[in-house]
Amino acid sequence: MTLFTRLQGAHRMNRIEKLKNDLYTFEELITLEKNATQLNDSETLGLITISRASKTAKGEKPKPTVGEDGKPLTRRARREKK
């Protein structure tokens, strides 16, 4: 096992532990989901689903992507609107 492989494993455990402890924001979960989908990481995708459900049950809500005037607030929302 190389040093790089061990460091990758340590980084992955940190991410998994953070997901289990519900430490990521909704916005960070979106990014994690995109990356996990590209890597076909079913364990992470399952934990993301659980984390979102947990946050929703606690009453947390994702930040709105559309303002009161109907205009997208984020670059991502503007890009998806096109």
Protein backbone atom coordinates (compact mmCIF):
# COMPACT_ATOMS: atom_id res chain seq x y z
CA MET A 1 0.00 0.00 0.00
CA THR A 2 1.48 3.34 -1.01
CA LEU A 3 1.37 6.52 1.01
CA PHE A 4 -1.04 8.04 -1.53
CA THR A 5 -3.46 5.11 -1.14
CA ARG A 6 -3.37 5.43 2.65
CA LEU A 7 -4.00 9.17 2.44
CA GLN A 8 -6.90 8.60 0.07
CA GLY A 9 -8.40 6.13 2.53
CA ALA A 10 -8.01 8.58 5.41
CA HIS A 11 -9.63 11.36 3.38
CA ARG A 12 -12.50 9.08 2.44
CA MET A 13 -13.11 8.12 6.05
CA ASN A 14 -13.28 11.77 7.00
CA ARG A 15 -15.92 12.37 4.34
CA ILE A 16 -17.89 9.29 5.38
CA GLU A 17 -17.72 10.28 9.05
CA LYS A 18 -18.86 13.81 8.22
CA LEU A 19 -21.81 12.40 6.29
CA LYS A 20 -22.71 10.09 9.17
CA ASN A 21 -22.55 13.01 11.60
CA ASP A 22 -24.66 15.23 9.31
CA LEU A 23 -22.06 18.00 9.06
CA TYR A 24 -22.46 19.01 5.41
CA THR A 25 -24.79 21.78 4.18
CA PHE A 26 -27.37 21.13 1.48
CA GLU A 27 -25.11 22.91 -1.02
CA GLU A 28 -22.15 20.70 -0.12
CA LEU A 29 -24.36 17.63 -0.41
CA ILE A 30 -25.19 18.59 -4.00
CA THR A 31 -21.49 18.71 -4.86
CA LEU A 32 -20.78 15.44 -3.05
CA GLU A 33 -23.68 13.79 -4.86
CA LYS A 34 -22.38 14.94 -8.24
CA ASN A 35 -18.92 13.56 -7.50
CA ALA A 36 -20.22 10.29 -6.02
CA THR A 37 -22.44 9.76 -9.06
CA GLN A 38 -19.47 10.17 -11.40
CA LEU A 39 -17.48 7.68 -9.31
CA ASN A 40 -20.41 5.25 -8.91
CA ASP A 41 -19.94 5.42 -5.11
CA SER A 42 -23.15 3.85 -3.83
CA GLU A 43 -22.10 4.04 -0.16
CA THR A 44 -21.69 7.82 -0.32
CA LEU A 45 -24.92 8.25 -2.31
CA GLY A 46 -26.82 6.31 0.36
CA LEU A 47 -25.33 8.43 3.15
CA ILE A 48 -26.19 11.63 1.24
CA THR A 49 -29.83 10.50 1.02
CA ILE A 50 -29.90 9.79 4.76
CA SER A 51 -28.23 13.13 5.55
CA ARG A 52 -30.77 15.07 3.47
CA ALA A 53 -33.66 13.27 5.18
CA SER A 54 -32.13 13.98 8.58
CA LYS A 55 -31.71 17.68 7.81
CA THR A 56 -35.28 17.91 6.54
CA ALA A 57 -36.58 16.15 9.68
CA LYS A 58 -34.68 18.67 11.82
CA GLY A 59 -36.44 21.48 9.97
CA GLU A 60 -33.46 22.67 7.94
CA LYS A 61 -34.19 23.88 4.43
CA PRO A 62 -31.90 24.38 1.45
CA LYS A 63 -31.19 27.98 0.51
CA PRO A 64 -33.56 29.22 -2.18
CA THR A 65 -32.16 29.35 -5.69
CA VAL A 66 -34.78 31.81 -6.95
CA GLY A 67 -35.34 35.29 -5.50
CA GLU A 68 -38.69 36.91 -4.70
CA ASP A 69 -38.64 38.56 -8.12
CA GLY A 70 -38.33 35.15 -9.82
CA LYS A 71 -34.71 35.64 -10.91
CA PRO A 72 -32.20 32.87 -10.19
CA LEU A 73 -29.84 33.71 -7.31
CA THR A 74 -26.99 31.38 -8.15
CA ARG A 75 -24.90 30.68 -11.23
CA ARG A 76 -26.05 27.09 -11.14
CA ALA A 77 -29.72 28.09 -11.13
CA ARG A 78 -29.17 30.57 -13.95
CA ARG A 79 -27.37 27.90 -15.97
CA GLU A 80 -30.11 25.31 -15.34
CA LYS A 81 -32.82 27.81 -16.31
CA LYS A 82 -31.42 28.08 -19.86
